[in-house]
Protein backbone atom coordinates (compact mmCIF):
# COMPACT_ATOMS: atom_id res chain seq x y z
CA MET A 1 18.86 -18.98 3.16
CA LYS A 2 15.84 -20.16 1.20
CA ARG A 3 13.95 -16.74 0.98
CA GLN A 4 11.25 -18.06 -1.40
CA ASN A 5 10.06 -20.34 1.28
CA SER A 6 10.68 -18.46 4.53
CA LEU A 7 10.32 -14.78 3.64
CA LYS A 8 6.81 -13.51 3.99
CA LEU A 9 6.58 -10.16 2.71
CA TRP A 10 3.56 -8.18 3.43
CA VAL A 11 3.86 -4.60 1.78
CA LEU A 12 1.12 -2.69 3.28
CA VAL A 13 0.84 1.03 2.56
CA GLY A 14 -0.28 1.98 6.35
CA LEU A 15 -2.43 4.96 7.23
CA LEU A 16 -2.19 6.79 3.78
CA VAL A 17 -3.24 10.24 3.68
CA ALA A 18 -4.55 11.00 0.22
CA ILE A 19 -5.44 14.38 -1.09
CA ASN A 20 -6.86 14.17 -4.35
CA TRP A 21 -7.51 16.91 -7.12
CA GLN A 22 -10.63 16.19 -9.10
CA ALA A 23 -11.16 17.00 -12.37
CA LYS A 24 -13.62 16.81 -15.37
CA ALA A 25 -16.97 16.88 -13.47
CA GLN A 26 -15.44 14.75 -10.73
CA LYS A 27 -15.33 11.68 -13.06
CA ARG A 28 -11.44 11.79 -13.02
CA GLU A 29 -8.91 12.38 -10.33
CA ILE A 30 -5.34 12.75 -10.03
CA GLY A 31 -3.94 12.24 -6.57
CA PHE A 32 -0.93 11.34 -4.31
CA SER A 33 -0.43 10.00 -0.94
CA LEU A 34 2.25 9.77 1.82
CA GLY A 35 2.55 6.93 4.40
CA ALA A 36 4.37 4.17 5.72
CA MET A 37 5.57 0.50 4.58
CA TYR A 38 6.56 -2.17 6.84
CA TYR A 39 7.64 -5.80 6.95
CA THR A 40 6.37 -8.77 8.93
CA GLY A 41 7.62 -12.19 8.37
CA ASP A 42 10.31 -14.38 9.47
CA MET A 43 12.18 -11.65 10.99
CA ALA A 44 9.43 -9.77 12.44
CA ARG A 45 6.33 -11.63 13.37
CA ASN A 46 4.65 -8.31 14.71
CA TRP A 47 4.64 -4.73 13.62
CA VAL A 48 8.12 -3.24 14.56
CA LEU A 49 8.90 0.72 14.37
CA SER A 50 12.39 0.05 13.24
CA ASN A 51 11.04 -1.75 10.20
CA THR A 52 8.64 1.09 9.00
CA GLY A 53 9.79 2.95 6.12
CA PHE A 54 8.49 6.05 4.21
CA ALA A 55 6.05 5.42 1.33
CA GLY A 56 4.43 7.54 -1.36
CA MET A 57 1.93 6.94 -4.02
CA VAL A 58 0.88 8.74 -7.37
CA LEU A 59 -2.63 7.65 -8.78
CA LEU A 60 -5.02 8.16 -11.34
CA ARG A 61 -8.89 7.30 -10.52
CA THR A 62 -12.07 6.99 -12.60
CA ASN A 63 -15.33 7.42 -10.64
CA ARG A 64 -17.75 5.01 -12.40
CA ASN A 65 -20.71 5.91 -10.27
CA ASN A 66 -21.13 7.16 -6.69
CA HIS A 67 -20.21 3.68 -5.24
CA LEU A 68 -17.28 2.31 -7.62
CA SER A 69 -14.15 3.99 -8.85
CA LEU A 70 -11.17 2.26 -10.64
CA ARG A 71 -7.65 3.21 -9.62
CA LEU A 72 -4.20 2.99 -11.36
CA ALA A 73 -1.37 3.71 -8.93
CA TYR A 74 2.43 3.55 -8.70
CA THR A 75 3.58 3.02 -5.21
CA GLY A 76 7.31 3.33 -3.95
CA GLY A 77 8.90 2.98 -0.60
CA ASN A 78 11.65 1.61 1.82
CA LEU A 79 11.11 -1.66 3.30
CA LYS A 80 13.61 -3.21 6.01
CA GLY A 81 14.01 -6.28 8.24
CA SER A 82 16.51 -7.60 10.60
CA ASP A 83 17.22 -10.61 12.93
CA ALA A 84 18.81 -8.26 15.50
CA LYS A 85 16.16 -9.44 17.83
CA PRO A 86 15.83 -13.10 17.08
CA VAL A 87 12.47 -14.62 17.32
CA ASP A 88 13.48 -18.01 17.30
CA SER A 89 16.62 -20.16 16.96
CA PHE A 90 16.39 -20.12 13.04
CA ALA A 91 16.65 -16.34 13.26
CA THR A 92 19.57 -16.50 15.39
CA ALA A 93 21.52 -18.98 13.09
CA ARG A 94 20.35 -16.92 10.14
CA ALA A 95 21.43 -13.24 11.51
CA SER A 96 20.48 -11.64 8.34
CA LEU A 97 18.88 -8.14 7.34
CA PHE A 98 17.83 -6.35 4.50
CA ASN A 99 16.99 -2.89 3.29
CA ILE A 100 15.27 -2.61 -0.03
CA PHE A 101 13.12 -0.24 -2.23
CA ILE A 102 9.71 -1.50 -3.18
CA SER A 103 8.49 -0.13 -6.56
CA GLU A 104 4.70 -1.22 -7.39
CA PHE A 105 2.18 -0.63 -10.06
CA SER A 106 -1.28 -1.50 -9.42
CA GLY A 107 -4.71 -1.63 -10.56
CA SER A 108 -7.70 -1.80 -8.31
CA PHE A 109 -11.18 -0.96 -7.57
CA GLU A 110 -12.65 1.14 -4.54
CA TYR A 111 -16.05 0.42 -3.42
CA TYR A 112 -17.66 3.22 -1.26
CA PHE A 113 -20.26 1.81 1.16
CA ILE A 114 -22.21 5.38 1.53
CA ASP A 115 -23.03 7.76 -1.33
CA TYR A 116 -21.02 10.82 -0.39
CA LYS A 117 -20.36 12.26 -3.74
CA SER A 118 -23.81 13.18 -5.10
CA LYS A 119 -25.91 16.46 -4.65
CA ARG A 120 -28.39 14.46 -2.57
CA ALA A 121 -25.82 13.04 -0.27
CA VAL A 122 -26.71 13.34 3.41
CA VAL A 123 -22.95 13.11 4.58
CA ASN A 124 -19.68 14.02 2.96
CA TRP A 125 -17.68 10.95 3.90
CA SER A 126 -17.62 7.05 3.32
CA PRO A 127 -15.86 4.22 4.49
CA TYR A 128 -14.70 1.98 1.55
CA PHE A 129 -12.98 -1.26 0.72
CA HIS A 130 -10.27 -1.66 -2.28
CA GLY A 131 -8.90 -4.66 -3.86
CA GLY A 132 -6.84 -5.48 -7.12
CA LEU A 133 -3.70 -6.70 -8.68
CA ALA A 134 -0.30 -5.59 -8.53
CA ILE A 135 3.35 -6.19 -9.84
CA PHE A 136 6.10 -5.08 -7.47
CA GLY A 137 9.91 -5.08 -7.68
CA MET A 138 12.61 -5.07 -4.95
CA LEU A 139 15.61 -2.82 -5.62
CA GLY A 140 18.72 -3.13 -3.39
CA HIS A 141 19.67 -6.82 -3.15
CA LYS A 142 23.50 -6.73 -3.43
CA ASP A 143 24.13 -9.92 -1.48
CA LYS A 144 21.21 -12.09 -2.70
CA THR A 145 21.97 -15.52 -1.20
CA ALA A 146 18.73 -17.42 -2.84
CA THR A 147 17.36 -17.95 -6.14
CA TYR A 148 14.21 -15.96 -6.07
CA SER A 149 12.61 -13.47 -8.54
CA THR A 150 12.90 -9.90 -7.34
CA VAL A 151 9.68 -9.14 -9.44
CA GLN A 152 6.33 -10.59 -7.96
CA LEU A 153 2.49 -10.47 -8.17
CA ALA A 154 0.55 -9.02 -5.40
CA LEU A 155 -3.06 -8.98 -4.16
CA PRO A 156 -3.59 -5.30 -2.94
CA LEU A 157 -6.43 -5.20 -0.16
CA GLY A 158 -7.39 -2.81 2.29
CA PHE A 159 -10.02 -0.26 3.67
CA GLY A 160 -10.09 3.54 4.31
CA ILE A 161 -12.37 6.41 5.01
CA LYS A 162 -12.77 9.22 2.51
CA TYR A 163 -14.01 12.88 3.59
CA GLN A 164 -14.93 15.46 1.05
CA PRO A 165 -14.72 19.01 2.81
CA VAL A 166 -15.73 20.64 -0.57
CA LYS A 167 -16.54 19.31 -3.99
CA GLN A 168 -13.20 19.67 -5.49
CA TRP A 169 -11.11 17.89 -2.62
CA THR A 170 -11.12 14.67 -0.91
CA VAL A 171 -9.13 13.55 1.98
CA GLY A 172 -8.79 9.92 3.21
CA ILE A 173 -7.10 7.48 5.30
CA GLU A 174 -6.32 4.09 4.08
CA TYR A 175 -4.87 0.90 5.48
């Protein structure tokens, strides 16, 4: 099976709930996230609950100003897919499945649309966009049938909302 041509691997850390501990006058943060990781591609054209696995993230963030932050993160999670419910004749003939662990290191920026961090802020929440560059590896390929690298580059992109109930804590949802 030619996975490099047929396997579209979209690794999304979905609905991540992030709780961050802020330190050093809110310039640097250490945080973690818990969420989900799922597969869409040749084996599943849409989101399928059975292809959803748990994911976690550990991050370091530097707040450059009230609208921009830089983030370094490690994300790990389980990813699976199956041709058990074939979507076309190729899937029926392929009759394949996978269950792997994804390990990703990323560097990204976060842009907050509303200033919610300053003392003069009118609101204590903001929607935000994030994007960057990542490298990820796939672990768990025992019966790999095609020649492809299990280490790949990725462009993580997403959006979320952050809420700051008190100055030392931030809670967010990210997709």
